[in-house]
Amino acid sequence: MRILFATGNENKIIEAQETLAPLGHTVEGLLIDGKRPDFNEPKELGLEAVAEAKILQALTLIEGTELQGSAILVEDSGIFLDAFPNWPGAKSSDVEKEIGLLGVIERVNKSEIRGAEFRAVAILSDGSKFWKSKGVCRGSISDEIKGQKGFGYDPIFIPSEGDGRTFGELGAEVKNQISHRKKAMQGLSNLLKSPSR
């Protein structure tokens, strides 16, 4: 299956390729007239609503083009802090831009509750069938920014499955094995392998 991933993040495309290529699928970025499309994202409704909105918009965009018949993949993810239900969640990238990682650390320090988790929702559709999978990576928020690797919240997130270092210190090789996105992609892979499809 030719899978077009509706994302502007090359790292996400590489992660998806690693999981889905062994099943015989190709994964590439979705480009419309050479550009990555922008989507309306109802972030106030949560990750799942954002992913569902993006896949429907992407399927509409490829209708009647040479891309019609390809499968579309979307993924939305965010970090959730135990101290603040559903925050920042689907608005994670906006919050990072507004208050920065130091602002997030400051709020966590005040709350004294360091627990957190990354969540991802991935949806794949060939236009008639839809496959949906979720992934969670539990951890905690560091009391300082550590590491230059990764992106977003990686330098302040310490995964429970790791060795005490942040994703920003661990780097892609370790992160890609235990991340929320890897688990969501692995779930899709299992659904695609399932005989009930």
N, C-alpha and C. Protein backbone atom coordinates (compact mmCIF):
# COMPACT_ATOMS: atom_id res chain seq x y z
N MET A 1 0.85 -1.18 0.00
CA MET A 1 0.00 0.00 0.00
C MET A 1 0.89 1.24 0.00
N ARG A 2 0.52 2.21 -0.83
CA ARG A 2 1.23 3.49 -0.82
C ARG A 2 0.57 4.37 0.23
N ILE A 3 1.34 4.75 1.25
CA ILE A 3 0.80 5.53 2.36
C ILE A 3 1.37 6.94 2.31
N LEU A 4 0.47 7.92 2.30
CA LEU A 4 0.86 9.33 2.30
C LEU A 4 0.62 9.88 3.70
N PHE A 5 1.69 10.26 4.37
CA PHE A 5 1.62 10.73 5.75
C PHE A 5 1.42 12.24 5.74
N ALA A 6 0.28 12.68 6.28
CA ALA A 6 -0.04 14.11 6.32
C ALA A 6 0.65 14.75 7.52
N THR A 7 1.94 15.04 7.36
CA THR A 7 2.72 15.68 8.41
C THR A 7 3.83 16.51 7.79
N GLY A 8 4.24 17.54 8.49
CA GLY A 8 5.38 18.33 8.05
C GLY A 8 6.66 17.92 8.77
N ASN A 9 6.56 16.86 9.59
CA ASN A 9 7.68 16.45 10.42
C ASN A 9 8.37 15.22 9.83
N GLU A 10 9.58 15.42 9.31
CA GLU A 10 10.34 14.32 8.68
C GLU A 10 10.60 13.19 9.66
N ASN A 11 10.82 13.53 10.94
CA ASN A 11 11.09 12.50 11.96
C ASN A 11 9.92 11.53 12.08
N LYS A 12 8.70 12.06 11.98
CA LYS A 12 7.52 11.20 12.07
C LYS A 12 7.44 10.26 10.87
N ILE A 13 7.81 10.76 9.69
CA ILE A 13 7.77 9.94 8.47
C ILE A 13 8.77 8.78 8.60
N ILE A 14 9.96 9.09 9.12
CA ILE A 14 10.99 8.05 9.29
C ILE A 14 10.51 6.98 10.27
N GLU A 15 9.90 7.41 11.39
CA GLU A 15 9.37 6.45 12.38
C GLU A 15 8.31 5.55 11.75
N ALA A 16 7.43 6.15 10.94
CA ALA A 16 6.37 5.36 10.30
C ALA A 16 6.96 4.38 9.29
N GLN A 17 7.97 4.82 8.54
CA GLN A 17 8.63 3.93 7.57
C GLN A 17 9.22 2.70 8.27
N GLU A 18 9.88 2.94 9.40
CA GLU A 18 10.53 1.84 10.13
C GLU A 18 9.52 0.77 10.55
N THR A 19 8.31 1.20 10.89
CA THR A 19 7.30 0.25 11.37
C THR A 19 6.49 -0.38 10.24
N LEU A 20 6.15 0.40 9.21
CA LEU A 20 5.23 -0.09 8.19
C LEU A 20 5.91 -0.66 6.94
N ALA A 21 7.15 -0.23 6.65
CA ALA A 21 7.86 -0.76 5.46
C ALA A 21 8.07 -2.27 5.53
N PRO A 22 8.39 -2.85 6.71
CA PRO A 22 8.56 -4.31 6.76
C PRO A 22 7.31 -5.09 6.35
N LEU A 23 6.14 -4.43 6.38
CA LEU A 23 4.90 -5.10 5.94
C LEU A 23 4.67 -4.93 4.44
N GLY A 24 5.62 -4.24 3.77
CA GLY A 24 5.50 -4.06 2.33
C GLY A 24 4.84 -2.76 1.91
N HIS A 25 4.64 -1.84 2.86
CA HIS A 25 4.03 -0.55 2.54
C HIS A 25 5.11 0.51 2.33
N THR A 26 4.82 1.47 1.47
CA THR A 26 5.73 2.61 1.33
C THR A 26 5.10 3.79 2.08
N VAL A 27 5.94 4.60 2.69
CA VAL A 27 5.46 5.77 3.42
C VAL A 27 6.21 6.99 2.93
N GLU A 28 5.46 8.01 2.53
CA GLU A 28 6.07 9.28 2.11
C GLU A 28 5.18 10.41 2.60
N GLY A 29 5.72 11.60 2.59
CA GLY A 29 4.93 12.76 3.02
C GLY A 29 3.86 13.10 2.00
N LEU A 30 2.71 13.57 2.48
CA LEU A 30 1.64 14.02 1.59
C LEU A 30 1.96 15.41 1.08
N LEU A 31 2.07 15.54 -0.24
CA LEU A 31 2.32 16.84 -0.86
C LEU A 31 1.21 17.12 -1.87
N ILE A 32 0.64 18.30 -1.79
CA ILE A 32 -0.37 18.74 -2.76
C ILE A 32 0.25 19.92 -3.51
N ASP A 33 0.44 19.76 -4.82
CA ASP A 33 1.13 20.77 -5.63
C ASP A 33 2.49 21.13 -5.03
N GLY A 34 3.19 20.08 -4.56
CA GLY A 34 4.55 20.26 -4.04
C GLY A 34 4.62 20.83 -2.63
N LYS A 35 3.46 21.04 -1.99
CA LYS A 35 3.47 21.62 -0.63
C LYS A 35 2.75 20.71 0.35
N ARG A 36 3.18 20.78 1.60
CA ARG A 36 2.49 20.05 2.66
C ARG A 36 1.23 20.85 3.02
N PRO A 37 0.06 20.23 2.98
CA PRO A 37 -1.17 20.99 3.23
C PRO A 37 -1.33 21.39 4.70
N ASP A 38 -2.02 22.50 4.92
CA ASP A 38 -2.40 22.92 6.27
C ASP A 38 -3.80 22.41 6.55
N PHE A 39 -4.05 22.07 7.79
CA PHE A 39 -5.36 21.54 8.16
C PHE A 39 -5.98 22.38 9.26
N ASN A 40 -7.32 22.41 9.27
CA ASN A 40 -8.03 23.00 10.39
C ASN A 40 -8.06 21.96 11.50
N GLU A 41 -7.52 22.31 12.66
CA GLU A 41 -7.41 21.36 13.77
C GLU A 41 -8.26 21.83 14.95
N PRO A 42 -9.32 21.09 15.28
CA PRO A 42 -10.16 21.46 16.44
C PRO A 42 -9.49 21.05 17.76
N LYS A 43 -8.38 21.73 18.10
CA LYS A 43 -7.56 21.33 19.24
C LYS A 43 -8.32 21.30 20.56
N GLU A 44 -9.33 22.17 20.67
CA GLU A 44 -10.09 22.21 21.92
C GLU A 44 -10.87 20.92 22.16
N LEU A 45 -11.04 20.10 21.12
CA LEU A 45 -11.80 18.84 21.25
C LEU A 45 -10.91 17.63 21.56
N GLY A 46 -9.58 17.83 21.55
CA GLY A 46 -8.68 16.75 21.92
C GLY A 46 -7.97 16.11 20.73
N LEU A 47 -7.00 15.24 21.06
CA LEU A 47 -6.13 14.60 20.05
C LEU A 47 -6.92 13.81 19.01
N GLU A 48 -7.85 12.99 19.50
CA GLU A 48 -8.59 12.12 18.58
C GLU A 48 -9.40 12.93 17.57
N ALA A 49 -10.03 14.00 18.05
CA ALA A 49 -10.83 14.85 17.16
C ALA A 49 -9.94 15.53 16.12
N VAL A 50 -8.73 15.93 16.54
CA VAL A 50 -7.79 16.55 15.59
C VAL A 50 -7.39 15.54 14.51
N ALA A 51 -7.04 14.33 14.93
CA ALA A 51 -6.63 13.30 13.96
C ALA A 51 -7.78 12.97 13.00
N GLU A 52 -9.00 12.84 13.54
CA GLU A 52 -10.15 12.53 12.68
C GLU A 52 -10.43 13.66 11.69
N ALA A 53 -10.31 14.90 12.15
CA ALA A 53 -10.53 16.05 11.26
C ALA A 53 -9.48 16.07 10.15
N LYS A 54 -8.22 15.81 10.51
CA LYS A 54 -7.14 15.85 9.52
C LYS A 54 -7.29 14.77 8.46
N ILE A 55 -7.69 13.57 8.87
CA ILE A 55 -7.77 12.49 7.87
C ILE A 55 -8.90 12.76 6.88
N LEU A 56 -10.03 13.29 7.36
CA LEU A 56 -11.13 13.59 6.45
C LEU A 56 -10.76 14.71 5.48
N GLN A 57 -10.05 15.73 5.98
CA GLN A 57 -9.60 16.82 5.11
C GLN A 57 -8.61 16.31 4.07
N ALA A 58 -7.68 15.45 4.49
CA ALA A 58 -6.67 14.93 3.57
C ALA A 58 -7.30 14.06 2.48
N LEU A 59 -8.24 13.21 2.87
CA LEU A 59 -8.93 12.37 1.88
C LEU A 59 -9.67 13.22 0.85
N THR A 60 -10.27 14.32 1.31
CA THR A 60 -10.97 15.23 0.40
C THR A 60 -9.97 15.90 -0.55
N LEU A 61 -8.81 16.27 -0.02
CA LEU A 61 -7.79 16.95 -0.84
C LEU A 61 -7.29 16.09 -2.00
N ILE A 62 -7.19 14.76 -1.79
CA ILE A 62 -6.64 13.92 -2.87
C ILE A 62 -7.70 13.41 -3.84
N GLU A 63 -8.98 13.65 -3.52
CA GLU A 63 -10.06 13.22 -4.42
C GLU A 63 -9.87 13.84 -5.80
N GLY A 64 -9.97 13.01 -6.83
CA GLY A 64 -9.87 13.50 -8.20
C GLY A 64 -8.47 13.88 -8.65
N THR A 65 -7.46 13.58 -7.82
CA THR A 65 -6.06 13.84 -8.22
C THR A 65 -5.38 12.51 -8.50
N GLU A 66 -4.13 12.58 -8.95
CA GLU A 66 -3.38 11.34 -9.22
C GLU A 66 -3.06 10.59 -7.93
N LEU A 67 -3.28 11.24 -6.79
CA LEU A 67 -3.02 10.60 -5.49
C LEU A 67 -4.21 9.78 -4.99
N GLN A 68 -5.37 9.98 -5.62
CA GLN A 68 -6.55 9.22 -5.19
C GLN A 68 -6.26 7.73 -5.29
N GLY A 69 -6.68 6.98 -4.28
CA GLY A 69 -6.39 5.55 -4.25
C GLY A 69 -5.24 5.23 -3.31
N SER A 70 -4.43 6.25 -2.97
CA SER A 70 -3.38 6.06 -1.97
C SER A 70 -4.03 6.09 -0.60
N ALA A 71 -3.35 5.50 0.37
CA ALA A 71 -3.84 5.56 1.75
C ALA A 71 -3.28 6.81 2.41
N ILE A 72 -4.04 7.35 3.33
CA ILE A 72 -3.62 8.54 4.07
C ILE A 72 -3.35 8.15 5.52
N LEU A 73 -2.27 8.65 6.07
CA LEU A 73 -1.92 8.44 7.47
C LEU A 73 -1.85 9.80 8.16
N VAL A 74 -2.50 9.91 9.31
CA VAL A 74 -2.37 11.11 10.13
C VAL A 74 -2.02 10.67 11.55
N GLU A 75 -1.36 11.54 12.26
CA GLU A 75 -1.01 11.25 13.65
C GLU A 75 -1.04 12.56 14.40
N ASP A 76 -1.63 12.54 15.57
CA ASP A 76 -1.57 13.73 16.41
C ASP A 76 -1.15 13.28 17.79
N SER A 77 -0.32 14.07 18.42
CA SER A 77 0.18 13.69 19.73
C SER A 77 0.35 14.92 20.60
N GLY A 78 0.46 14.64 21.89
CA GLY A 78 0.65 15.73 22.83
C GLY A 78 1.14 15.19 24.15
N ILE A 79 1.56 16.09 25.01
CA ILE A 79 1.99 15.70 26.35
C ILE A 79 0.89 16.10 27.33
N PHE A 80 0.66 15.24 28.30
CA PHE A 80 -0.37 15.45 29.31
C PHE A 80 0.29 15.41 30.68
N LEU A 81 0.07 16.44 31.47
CA LEU A 81 0.69 16.54 32.79
C LEU A 81 -0.31 16.11 33.85
N ASP A 82 0.11 15.21 34.72
CA ASP A 82 -0.80 14.68 35.75
C ASP A 82 -1.40 15.79 36.61
N ALA A 83 -0.64 16.85 36.84
CA ALA A 83 -1.10 17.94 37.70
C ALA A 83 -2.22 18.77 37.07
N PHE A 84 -2.32 18.72 35.75
CA PHE A 84 -3.29 19.57 35.03
C PHE A 84 -4.05 18.71 34.01
N PRO A 85 -5.24 18.21 34.39
CA PRO A 85 -5.97 17.32 33.47
C PRO A 85 -6.14 17.90 32.07
N ASN A 86 -5.79 17.09 31.08
CA ASN A 86 -5.93 17.44 29.65
C ASN A 86 -5.10 18.63 29.19
N TRP A 87 -4.09 19.03 29.97
CA TRP A 87 -3.24 20.15 29.58
C TRP A 87 -1.78 19.72 29.57
N PRO A 88 -1.02 20.15 28.57
CA PRO A 88 -1.43 20.92 27.40
C PRO A 88 -2.15 20.10 26.32
N GLY A 89 -1.96 18.76 26.31
CA GLY A 89 -2.72 17.91 25.40
C GLY A 89 -2.58 18.29 23.95
N ALA A 90 -3.72 18.44 23.27
CA ALA A 90 -3.72 18.75 21.83
C ALA A 90 -3.11 20.12 21.54
N LYS A 91 -2.99 20.96 22.58
CA LYS A 91 -2.41 22.30 22.40
C LYS A 91 -0.92 22.33 22.78
N SER A 92 -0.28 21.16 22.86
CA SER A 92 1.11 21.08 23.31
C SER A 92 2.06 22.01 22.55
N SER A 93 1.97 22.01 21.22
CA SER A 93 2.90 22.85 20.44
C SER A 93 2.62 24.33 20.67
N ASP A 94 1.33 24.69 20.82
CA ASP A 94 0.99 26.10 21.09
C ASP A 94 1.52 26.53 22.45
N VAL A 95 1.36 25.66 23.46
CA VAL A 95 1.83 25.98 24.81
C VAL A 95 3.35 26.13 24.83
N GLU A 96 4.03 25.24 24.09
CA GLU A 96 5.50 25.33 24.04
C GLU A 96 5.93 26.67 23.45
N LYS A 97 5.22 27.12 22.40
CA LYS A 97 5.56 28.42 21.79
C LYS A 97 5.25 29.58 22.74
N GLU A 98 4.14 29.46 23.49
CA GLU A 98 3.69 30.55 24.36
C GLU A 98 4.55 30.71 25.62
N ILE A 99 4.79 29.62 26.34
CA ILE A 99 5.50 29.76 27.63
C ILE A 99 6.85 29.05 27.66
N GLY A 100 7.15 28.26 26.61
CA GLY A 100 8.44 27.58 26.54
C GLY A 100 8.56 26.43 27.53
N LEU A 101 9.60 25.65 27.38
CA LEU A 101 9.82 24.49 28.25
C LEU A 101 10.06 24.93 29.69
N LEU A 102 10.74 26.06 29.86
CA LEU A 102 10.98 26.55 31.22
C LEU A 102 9.68 26.93 31.91
N GLY A 103 8.74 27.47 31.15
CA GLY A 103 7.42 27.81 31.70
C GLY A 103 6.67 26.57 32.15
N VAL A 104 6.80 25.47 31.38
CA VAL A 104 6.16 24.21 31.75
C VAL A 104 6.80 23.66 33.02
N ILE A 105 8.14 23.67 33.08
CA ILE A 105 8.85 23.19 34.27
C ILE A 105 8.42 23.99 35.51
N GLU A 106 8.29 25.29 35.33
CA GLU A 106 7.89 26.17 36.45
C GLU A 106 6.52 25.77 37.00
N ARG A 107 5.57 25.51 36.11
CA ARG A 107 4.22 25.11 36.55
C ARG A 107 4.25 23.76 37.26
N VAL A 108 5.05 22.83 36.71
CA VAL A 108 5.16 21.50 37.32
C VAL A 108 5.82 21.63 38.71
N ASN A 109 6.85 22.46 38.81
CA ASN A 109 7.53 22.66 40.10
C ASN A 109 6.55 23.18 41.16
N LYS A 110 5.70 24.12 40.76
CA LYS A 110 4.71 24.69 41.70
C LYS A 110 3.71 23.64 42.15
N SER A 111 3.32 22.77 41.23
CA SER A 111 2.31 21.75 41.55
C SER A 111 2.90 20.61 42.39
N GLU A 112 4.21 20.40 42.25
CA GLU A 112 4.93 19.30 42.92
C GLU A 112 4.47 17.92 42.44
N ILE A 113 3.77 17.88 41.31
CA ILE A 113 3.36 16.60 40.70
C ILE A 113 4.08 16.49 39.36
N ARG A 114 5.05 15.59 39.28
CA ARG A 114 5.92 15.53 38.11
C ARG A 114 5.45 14.53 37.05
N GLY A 115 4.50 13.67 37.37
CA GLY A 115 4.05 12.64 36.43
C GLY A 115 3.50 13.24 35.14
N ALA A 116 3.76 12.54 34.03
CA ALA A 116 3.31 13.02 32.72
C ALA A 116 3.26 11.84 31.76
N GLU A 117 2.58 12.05 30.65
CA GLU A 117 2.63 11.04 29.59
C GLU A 117 2.44 11.68 28.23
N PHE A 118 3.14 11.12 27.27
CA PHE A 118 2.91 11.48 25.88
C PHE A 118 1.81 10.54 25.37
N ARG A 119 0.88 11.09 24.60
CA ARG A 119 -0.15 10.27 23.96
C ARG A 119 -0.16 10.55 22.47
N ALA A 120 -0.42 9.52 21.69
CA ALA A 120 -0.51 9.66 20.23
C ALA A 120 -1.74 8.93 19.73
N VAL A 121 -2.37 9.51 18.71
CA VAL A 121 -3.47 8.86 18.01
C VAL A 121 -3.08 8.83 16.53
N ALA A 122 -3.06 7.64 15.96
CA ALA A 122 -2.73 7.49 14.53
C ALA A 122 -3.94 6.88 13.81
N ILE A 123 -4.26 7.44 12.66
CA ILE A 123 -5.38 6.92 11.85
C ILE A 123 -4.87 6.73 10.42
N LEU A 124 -5.21 5.59 9.85
CA LEU A 124 -4.85 5.27 8.47
C LEU A 124 -6.15 4.96 7.73
N SER A 125 -6.27 5.47 6.51
CA SER A 125 -7.47 5.17 5.72
C SER A 125 -7.11 5.02 4.24
N ASP A 126 -7.74 4.03 3.61
CA ASP A 126 -7.58 3.86 2.16
C ASP A 126 -8.76 4.49 1.42
N GLY A 127 -9.56 5.26 2.15
CA GLY A 127 -10.73 5.90 1.55
C GLY A 127 -12.02 5.19 1.86
N SER A 128 -11.94 3.89 2.12
CA SER A 128 -13.16 3.16 2.50
C SER A 128 -13.04 2.57 3.90
N LYS A 129 -11.85 2.08 4.25
CA LYS A 129 -11.64 1.53 5.59
C LYS A 129 -10.80 2.51 6.41
N PHE A 130 -11.02 2.46 7.72
CA PHE A 130 -10.24 3.28 8.65
C PHE A 130 -9.64 2.38 9.72
N TRP A 131 -8.36 2.58 10.00
CA TRP A 131 -7.70 1.88 11.09
C TRP A 131 -7.20 2.94 12.08
N LYS A 132 -7.48 2.73 13.37
CA LYS A 132 -7.08 3.72 14.37
C LYS A 132 -6.31 3.03 15.49
N SER A 133 -5.25 3.68 15.95
CA SER A 133 -4.46 3.13 17.03
C SER A 133 -3.97 4.25 17.94
N LYS A 134 -3.78 3.91 19.21
CA LYS A 134 -3.28 4.89 20.18
C LYS A 134 -2.01 4.37 20.83
N GLY A 135 -1.19 5.29 21.29
CA GLY A 135 0.03 4.92 22.00
C GLY A 135 0.27 5.86 23.16
N VAL A 136 0.78 5.32 24.26
CA VAL A 136 1.07 6.12 25.45
C VAL A 136 2.49 5.81 25.92
N CYS A 137 3.20 6.84 26.31
CA CYS A 137 4.53 6.67 26.93
C CYS A 137 4.51 7.43 28.25
N ARG A 138 4.54 6.68 29.35
CA ARG A 138 4.52 7.29 30.70
C ARG A 138 5.91 7.79 31.07
N GLY A 139 5.91 8.80 31.93
CA GLY A 139 7.18 9.33 32.40
C GLY A 139 6.96 10.45 33.39
N SER A 140 7.95 11.32 33.46
CA SER A 140 7.86 12.47 34.37
C SER A 140 8.59 13.66 33.75
N ILE A 141 8.32 14.82 34.33
CA ILE A 141 8.93 16.05 33.83
C ILE A 141 10.20 16.35 34.64
N SER A 142 11.27 16.58 33.93
CA SER A 142 12.56 16.91 34.55
C SER A 142 12.48 18.28 35.22
N ASP A 143 13.39 18.55 36.14
CA ASP A 143 13.41 19.87 36.77
C ASP A 143 14.30 20.85 36.02
N GLU A 144 14.88 20.38 34.90
CA GLU A 144 15.66 21.28 34.04
C GLU A 144 15.68 20.73 32.62
N ILE A 145 16.04 21.57 31.66
CA ILE A 145 16.16 21.15 30.26
C ILE A 145 17.46 20.37 30.11
N LYS A 146 17.35 19.15 29.57
CA LYS A 146 18.54 18.30 29.44
C LYS A 146 18.56 17.65 28.06
N GLY A 147 19.64 17.85 27.33
CA GLY A 147 19.81 17.18 26.04
C GLY A 147 19.41 18.05 24.86
N GLN A 148 20.10 17.84 23.76
CA GLN A 148 19.88 18.62 22.53
C GLN A 148 19.18 17.83 21.45
N LYS A 149 18.92 16.54 21.71
CA LYS A 149 18.34 15.69 20.67
C LYS A 149 16.82 15.78 20.69
N GLY A 150 16.21 15.37 19.59
CA GLY A 150 14.75 15.34 19.52
C GLY A 150 14.17 16.71 19.27
N PHE A 151 12.90 16.87 19.63
CA PHE A 151 12.19 18.13 19.38
C PHE A 151 11.07 18.26 20.40
N GLY A 152 10.44 19.42 20.43
CA GLY A 152 9.31 19.63 21.33
C GLY A 152 9.71 19.46 22.79
N TYR A 153 8.98 18.61 23.48
CA TYR A 153 9.16 18.42 24.92
C TYR A 153 10.23 17.38 25.27
N ASP A 154 10.90 16.83 24.27
CA ASP A 154 11.90 15.78 24.51
C ASP A 154 12.94 16.14 25.58
N PRO A 155 13.46 17.39 25.62
CA PRO A 155 14.49 17.70 26.62
C PRO A 155 14.00 17.79 28.07
N ILE A 156 12.66 17.70 28.30
CA ILE A 156 12.19 17.75 29.69
C ILE A 156 11.38 16.50 30.07
N PHE A 157 11.25 15.54 29.15
CA PHE A 157 10.45 14.34 29.43
C PHE A 157 11.37 13.16 29.71
N ILE A 158 11.22 12.58 30.91
CA ILE A 158 12.00 11.40 31.31
C ILE A 158 11.08 10.18 31.21
N PRO A 159 11.28 9.30 30.22
CA PRO A 159 10.39 8.15 30.06
C PRO A 159 10.61 7.12 31.17
N SER A 160 9.52 6.53 31.65
CA SER A 160 9.60 5.50 32.70
C SER A 160 10.39 4.28 32.22
N GLU A 161 10.31 4.00 30.92
CA GLU A 161 11.00 2.82 30.37
C GLU A 161 12.48 3.07 30.10
N GLY A 162 12.96 4.27 30.38
CA GLY A 162 14.35 4.61 30.10
C GLY A 162 15.26 4.40 31.30
N ASP A 163 16.38 5.12 31.29
CA ASP A 163 17.39 4.97 32.35
C ASP A 163 17.56 6.23 33.19
N GLY A 164 16.52 7.09 33.17
CA GLY A 164 16.59 8.31 33.96
C GLY A 164 16.96 9.55 33.16
N ARG A 165 17.33 9.34 31.89
CA ARG A 165 17.65 10.47 31.02
C ARG A 165 16.41 10.92 30.27
N THR A 166 16.40 12.17 29.82
CA THR A 166 15.29 12.69 29.02
C THR A 166 15.37 12.14 27.60
N PHE A 167 14.25 12.25 26.88
CA PHE A 167 14.27 11.90 25.45
C PHE A 167 15.33 12.74 24.73
N GLY A 168 15.51 13.96 25.18
CA GLY A 168 16.50 14.85 24.57
C GLY A 168 17.93 14.36 24.74
N GLU A 169 18.17 13.58 25.79
CA GLU A 169 19.49 12.99 26.00
C GLU A 169 19.61 11.62 25.36
N LEU A 170 18.50 10.87 25.33
CA LEU A 170 18.54 9.49 24.83
C LEU A 170 18.74 9.44 23.32
N GLY A 171 18.14 10.38 22.59
CA GLY A 171 18.27 10.37 21.14
C GLY A 171 17.27 9.45 20.46
N ALA A 172 17.22 9.58 19.14
CA ALA A 172 16.18 8.94 18.32
C ALA A 172 16.19 7.42 18.42
N GLU A 173 17.38 6.82 18.48
CA GLU A 173 17.45 5.36 18.43
C GLU A 173 16.67 4.73 19.58
N VAL A 174 16.86 5.26 20.80
CA VAL A 174 16.14 4.73 21.96
C VAL A 174 14.70 5.22 21.95
N LYS A 175 14.51 6.52 21.70
CA LYS A 175 13.16 7.11 21.71
C LYS A 175 12.23 6.36 20.76
N ASN A 176 12.72 6.06 19.56
CA ASN A 176 11.86 5.43 18.55
C ASN A 176 11.42 4.03 18.93
N GLN A 177 12.07 3.42 19.92
CA GLN A 177 11.67 2.09 20.36
C GLN A 177 10.58 2.13 21.43
N ILE A 178 10.51 3.23 22.20
CA ILE A 178 9.59 3.27 23.35
C ILE A 178 8.57 4.41 23.29
N SER A 179 8.63 5.22 22.26
CA SER A 179 7.78 6.42 22.22
C SER A 179 6.30 6.08 22.01
N HIS A 180 5.46 7.02 22.37
CA HIS A 180 4.01 6.95 22.16
C HIS A 180 3.70 6.76 20.69
N ARG A 181 4.46 7.45 19.82
CA ARG A 181 4.21 7.36 18.37
C ARG A 181 4.57 5.98 17.85
N LYS A 182 5.68 5.43 18.34
CA LYS A 182 6.09 4.08 17.95
C LYS A 182 5.00 3.07 18.32
N LYS A 183 4.44 3.24 19.53
CA LYS A 183 3.40 2.32 19.99
C LYS A 183 2.13 2.45 19.14
N ALA A 184 1.78 3.68 18.77
CA ALA A 184 0.60 3.90 17.92
C ALA A 184 0.83 3.29 16.53
N MET A 185 2.04 3.49 15.98
CA MET A 185 2.36 2.92 14.66
C MET A 185 2.39 1.39 14.71
N GLN A 186 2.92 0.85 15.81
CA GLN A 186 2.97 -0.60 15.98
C GLN A 186 1.55 -1.16 16.04
N GLY A 187 0.65 -0.41 16.70
CA GLY A 187 -0.75 -0.81 16.76
C GLY A 187 -1.38 -0.85 15.37
N LEU A 188 -1.07 0.16 14.54
CA LEU A 188 -1.57 0.16 13.16
C LEU A 188 -1.02 -1.03 12.40
N SER A 189 0.26 -1.29 12.59
CA SER A 189 0.92 -2.42 11.92
C SER A 189 0.20 -3.73 12.28
N ASN A 190 -0.13 -3.90 13.56
CA ASN A 190 -0.83 -5.11 14.00
C ASN A 190 -2.22 -5.20 13.39
N LEU A 191 -2.91 -4.05 13.29
CA LEU A 191 -4.24 -4.02 12.67
C LEU A 191 -4.16 -4.41 11.19
N LEU A 192 -3.13 -3.93 10.51
CA LEU A 192 -2.97 -4.21 9.07
C LEU A 192 -2.65 -5.68 8.83
N LYS A 193 -1.95 -6.28 9.79
CA LYS A 193 -1.59 -7.71 9.67
C LYS A 193 -2.76 -8.60 10.00
N SER A 194 -3.75 -8.05 10.74
CA SER A 194 -4.87 -8.83 11.24
C SER A 194 -5.70 -9.38 10.06
N PRO A 195 -6.10 -10.67 10.12
CA PRO A 195 -6.87 -11.26 9.01
C PRO A 195 -8.26 -10.67 8.86
N SER A 196 -8.75 -9.96 9.89
CA SER A 196 -10.12 -9.43 9.82
C SER A 196 -10.25 -8.20 8.95
N ARG A 197 -9.13 -7.68 8.42
CA ARG A 197 -9.23 -6.49 7.58
C ARG A 197 -9.74 -6.87 6.21
